[in-house]
């Protein structure tokens, strides 16, 4: 994995266009309104019209900046996902480099459950339909987990990655919490999955 490339946003050295003051104000209003709507009801029922009205901006203004509500949710999640991305690339082990693959996967699961615990409403907004698989974040998580499988010597890693990421879908997490499971229980179960799969494979190599 090339740590010089920001997989969520391209090359870090790329120039960032200057934003007009009025555009910045509208963006802030849109993001604040969307965050409140996503948190107050099922994000899947929020529409672009709802967001435009809550933000006090016109539909044209909204659509010029964001093509759909998924892109708004992704923008809201961006800061949190970038922080986790940085930890995975350059943080302390076991989340960052330097720990065995099984421990890194367990730490990744714990970090993702923490992210869901704090921002599941935004993740639901970003993952409507098949949008989950098209986000830059999912692409990053895919490459990270795949790299761990390769280091652990797992055969056919490409066929396994999506299955290992499936428990981190927001709807799965919500369903488990509704059944009474705590976030700690969910993270512990995923850690056991990671260790039983990767540690056992490393032992048998």
Protein backbone atom coordinates (compact mmCIF):
# COMPACT_ATOMS: atom_id res chain seq x y z
CA UNK A 1 0.00 0.00 0.00
CA UNK A 2 1.53 3.34 -0.99
CA UNK A 3 1.43 5.57 2.07
CA UNK A 4 2.27 8.64 -0.06
CA UNK A 5 -1.19 8.57 -1.62
CA UNK A 6 -4.32 9.56 0.23
CA UNK A 7 -6.71 6.85 -0.92
CA UNK A 8 -9.72 8.83 0.25
CA UNK A 9 -8.87 11.99 -1.58
CA UNK A 10 -6.13 11.55 -4.18
CA UNK A 11 -2.63 12.97 -4.00
CA UNK A 12 -2.03 15.21 -0.97
CA UNK A 13 0.00 17.65 -3.05
CA UNK A 14 -2.93 18.36 -5.38
CA UNK A 15 -3.99 22.02 -5.39
CA UNK A 16 -7.21 22.84 -3.54
CA UNK A 17 -9.41 25.40 -5.34
CA UNK A 18 -10.17 28.59 -3.43
CA UNK A 19 -13.75 28.62 -2.14
CA UNK A 20 -15.81 31.80 -2.33
CA UNK A 21 -17.10 33.12 0.99
CA UNK A 22 -20.75 32.70 0.01
CA UNK A 23 -20.12 29.17 -1.23
CA UNK A 24 -18.37 28.33 2.03
CA UNK A 25 -21.33 29.65 4.02
CA UNK A 26 -23.80 27.62 1.96
CA UNK A 27 -21.67 24.49 2.31
CA UNK A 28 -21.55 24.92 6.09
CA UNK A 29 -25.32 25.41 6.23
CA UNK A 30 -25.96 22.35 4.08
CA UNK A 31 -23.65 20.12 6.12
CA UNK A 32 -25.09 21.33 9.43
CA UNK A 33 -28.67 20.83 8.26
CA UNK A 34 -27.92 17.38 6.84
CA UNK A 35 -26.13 16.29 10.02
CA UNK A 36 -29.15 17.28 12.10
CA UNK A 37 -31.60 15.52 9.77
CA UNK A 38 -29.51 12.35 9.61
CA UNK A 39 -29.27 12.28 13.41
CA UNK A 40 -32.96 12.97 14.07
CA UNK A 41 -34.51 10.31 11.80
CA UNK A 42 -33.70 7.37 9.58
CA UNK A 43 -31.14 8.82 7.12
CA UNK A 44 -32.57 6.66 4.34
CA UNK A 45 -35.79 8.68 4.46
CA UNK A 46 -34.06 12.07 4.16
CA UNK A 47 -34.39 13.67 0.73
CA UNK A 48 -32.41 16.38 -1.01
CA UNK A 49 -35.48 18.63 -0.76
CA UNK A 50 -35.51 18.11 3.02
CA UNK A 51 -31.86 19.15 3.22
CA UNK A 52 -32.32 22.21 0.97
CA UNK A 53 -35.27 23.43 3.04
CA UNK A 54 -33.54 22.84 6.36
CA UNK A 55 -30.42 24.63 5.14
CA UNK A 56 -32.36 27.52 3.64
CA UNK A 57 -30.73 27.17 0.22
CA UNK A 58 -32.18 26.61 -3.24
CA UNK A 59 -32.20 23.23 -4.95
CA UNK A 60 -29.82 24.55 -7.61
CA UNK A 61 -27.34 25.69 -4.99
CA UNK A 62 -27.51 22.31 -3.28
CA UNK A 63 -27.16 20.22 -6.44
CA UNK A 64 -24.26 22.30 -7.77
CA UNK A 65 -22.26 21.26 -4.73
CA UNK A 66 -23.64 17.79 -4.00
CA UNK A 67 -25.20 15.49 -6.62
CA UNK A 68 -27.08 13.42 -4.01
CA UNK A 69 -27.50 12.92 -0.27
CA UNK A 70 -24.92 10.15 -0.25
CA UNK A 71 -22.24 12.67 -1.23
CA UNK A 72 -23.34 14.94 1.63
CA UNK A 73 -23.08 12.09 4.15
CA UNK A 74 -19.67 11.18 2.74
CA UNK A 75 -18.53 14.79 3.21
CA UNK A 76 -19.68 14.71 6.84
CA UNK A 77 -17.89 11.43 7.45
CA UNK A 78 -14.72 12.52 5.70
CA UNK A 79 -12.95 13.98 8.72
CA UNK A 80 -13.52 10.88 10.86
CA UNK A 81 -12.53 8.46 8.11
CA UNK A 82 -9.37 10.40 7.28
CA UNK A 83 -8.31 10.28 10.91
CA UNK A 84 -8.68 6.49 10.89
CA UNK A 85 -6.89 6.27 7.54
CA UNK A 86 -3.93 8.13 9.03
CA UNK A 87 -3.81 5.75 12.00
CA UNK A 88 -3.86 2.70 9.75
CA UNK A 89 -1.02 4.03 7.62
CA UNK A 90 1.22 5.68 10.19
CA UNK A 91 -0.21 5.08 13.67
CA UNK A 92 1.00 2.95 16.52
CA UNK A 93 0.49 -0.83 16.39
CA UNK A 94 -1.67 -2.81 16.51
CA UNK A 95 -3.87 -0.43 14.49
CA UNK A 96 -0.87 0.89 12.59
CA UNK A 97 2.04 -1.03 11.04
CA UNK A 98 4.20 -3.35 13.12
CA UNK A 99 1.75 -5.85 14.60
CA UNK A 100 0.81 -9.33 13.30
CA UNK A 101 -2.01 -9.32 10.70
CA UNK A 102 -4.50 -10.93 13.10
CA UNK A 103 -3.95 -8.22 15.71
CA UNK A 104 -4.11 -5.45 13.11
CA UNK A 105 -7.41 -6.79 11.76
CA UNK A 106 -8.83 -7.05 15.29
CA UNK A 107 -7.75 -3.45 15.97
CA UNK A 108 -9.28 -2.31 12.68
CA UNK A 109 -12.57 -3.94 13.61
CA UNK A 110 -12.52 -2.19 17.01
CA UNK A 111 -11.82 1.18 15.38
CA UNK A 112 -14.60 0.71 12.84
CA UNK A 113 -17.11 -0.27 15.53
CA UNK A 114 -16.11 2.88 17.42
CA UNK A 115 -16.72 4.89 14.24
CA UNK A 116 -20.14 3.28 13.80
CA UNK A 117 -20.96 3.82 17.45
CA UNK A 118 -20.45 7.54 17.09
CA UNK A 119 -21.61 8.16 13.52
CA UNK A 120 -23.89 5.35 12.36
CA UNK A 121 -26.44 7.91 11.12
CA UNK A 122 -23.88 9.39 8.73
CA UNK A 123 -22.70 5.97 7.59
CA UNK A 124 -26.28 4.97 6.83
CA UNK A 125 -26.69 8.16 4.82
CA UNK A 126 -23.53 7.43 2.85
CA UNK A 127 -24.30 3.75 2.27
CA UNK A 128 -27.83 3.90 0.85
CA UNK A 129 -28.31 1.16 -1.70
CA UNK A 130 -25.06 0.01 -3.29
CA UNK A 131 -23.33 3.33 -2.57
CA UNK A 132 -21.25 1.68 0.17
CA UNK A 133 -19.08 -0.10 -2.37
CA UNK A 134 -18.48 3.04 -4.47
CA UNK A 135 -17.06 5.24 -1.71
CA UNK A 136 -13.36 5.99 -1.46
CA UNK A 137 -13.50 4.90 2.16
CA UNK A 138 -14.68 1.39 1.26
CA UNK A 139 -11.93 1.18 -1.33
CA UNK A 140 -9.40 2.06 1.35
CA UNK A 141 -10.79 -0.44 3.86
CA UNK A 142 -10.74 -3.08 1.10
CA UNK A 143 -7.07 -2.48 0.31
CA UNK A 144 -6.12 -2.45 3.98
CA UNK A 145 -7.84 -5.74 4.81
CA UNK A 146 -6.55 -7.33 1.61
CA UNK A 147 -2.97 -6.38 2.53
CA UNK A 148 -3.40 -8.06 5.92
CA UNK A 149 -4.70 -11.23 4.27
CA UNK A 150 -1.74 -11.28 1.88
CA UNK A 151 0.77 -10.88 4.72
CA UNK A 152 -1.01 -13.68 6.61
CA UNK A 153 -0.69 -15.97 3.60
CA UNK A 154 -4.41 -16.32 2.90
CA UNK A 155 -5.13 -17.89 -0.47
CA UNK A 156 -7.49 -15.98 -2.79
CA UNK A 157 -7.60 -12.85 -0.61
CA UNK A 158 -9.75 -10.92 -3.10
CA UNK A 159 -12.60 -13.37 -2.60
CA UNK A 160 -12.51 -12.97 1.17
CA UNK A 161 -12.23 -9.22 1.73
CA UNK A 162 -15.86 -8.28 1.16
CA UNK A 163 -16.98 -11.04 3.52
CA UNK A 164 -14.70 -9.67 6.25
CA UNK A 165 -16.01 -6.15 5.69
CA UNK A 166 -19.67 -7.20 5.58
CA UNK A 167 -20.10 -7.21 9.41
CA UNK A 168 -19.17 -3.50 9.36
CA UNK A 169 -22.18 -2.47 7.28
CA UNK A 170 -24.20 0.13 9.17
CA UNK A 171 -27.43 -1.84 8.83
CA UNK A 172 -25.78 -4.95 10.31
CA UNK A 173 -24.43 -2.90 13.22
CA UNK A 174 -27.85 -1.32 13.87
CA UNK A 175 -29.54 -4.72 13.75
CA UNK A 176 -27.09 -6.14 16.29
CA UNK A 177 -27.52 -3.17 18.63
CA UNK A 178 -31.32 -3.51 18.33
CA UNK A 179 -30.96 -7.14 19.43
CA UNK A 180 -29.32 -5.90 22.62
CA UNK A 181 -25.65 -6.44 21.81
CA UNK A 182 -23.25 -3.77 23.00
CA UNK A 183 -20.59 -2.26 20.77
CA UNK A 184 -17.97 -3.92 23.00
CA UNK A 185 -19.54 -7.35 22.43
CA UNK A 186 -19.64 -6.81 18.68
CA UNK A 187 -16.01 -5.68 18.59
CA UNK A 188 -14.92 -8.65 20.73
CA UNK A 189 -16.69 -11.12 18.43
CA UNK A 190 -15.04 -9.59 15.37
CA UNK A 191 -11.66 -9.68 17.09
CA UNK A 192 -12.16 -13.40 17.74
CA UNK A 193 -13.04 -13.86 14.05
CA UNK A 194 -9.87 -12.02 13.01
CA UNK A 195 -7.62 -14.02 15.30
CA UNK A 196 -9.18 -17.40 14.52
CA UNK A 197 -8.83 -16.79 10.79
CA UNK A 198 -5.44 -15.10 10.48
CA UNK A 199 -3.55 -16.39 13.53
CA UNK A 200 -4.53 -19.99 12.77
CA UNK A 201 -3.46 -19.59 9.16
CA UNK A 202 -0.11 -18.12 10.22
CA UNK A 203 0.43 -21.04 12.62
CA UNK A 204 -0.20 -23.58 9.88
CA UNK A 205 2.18 -21.98 7.37
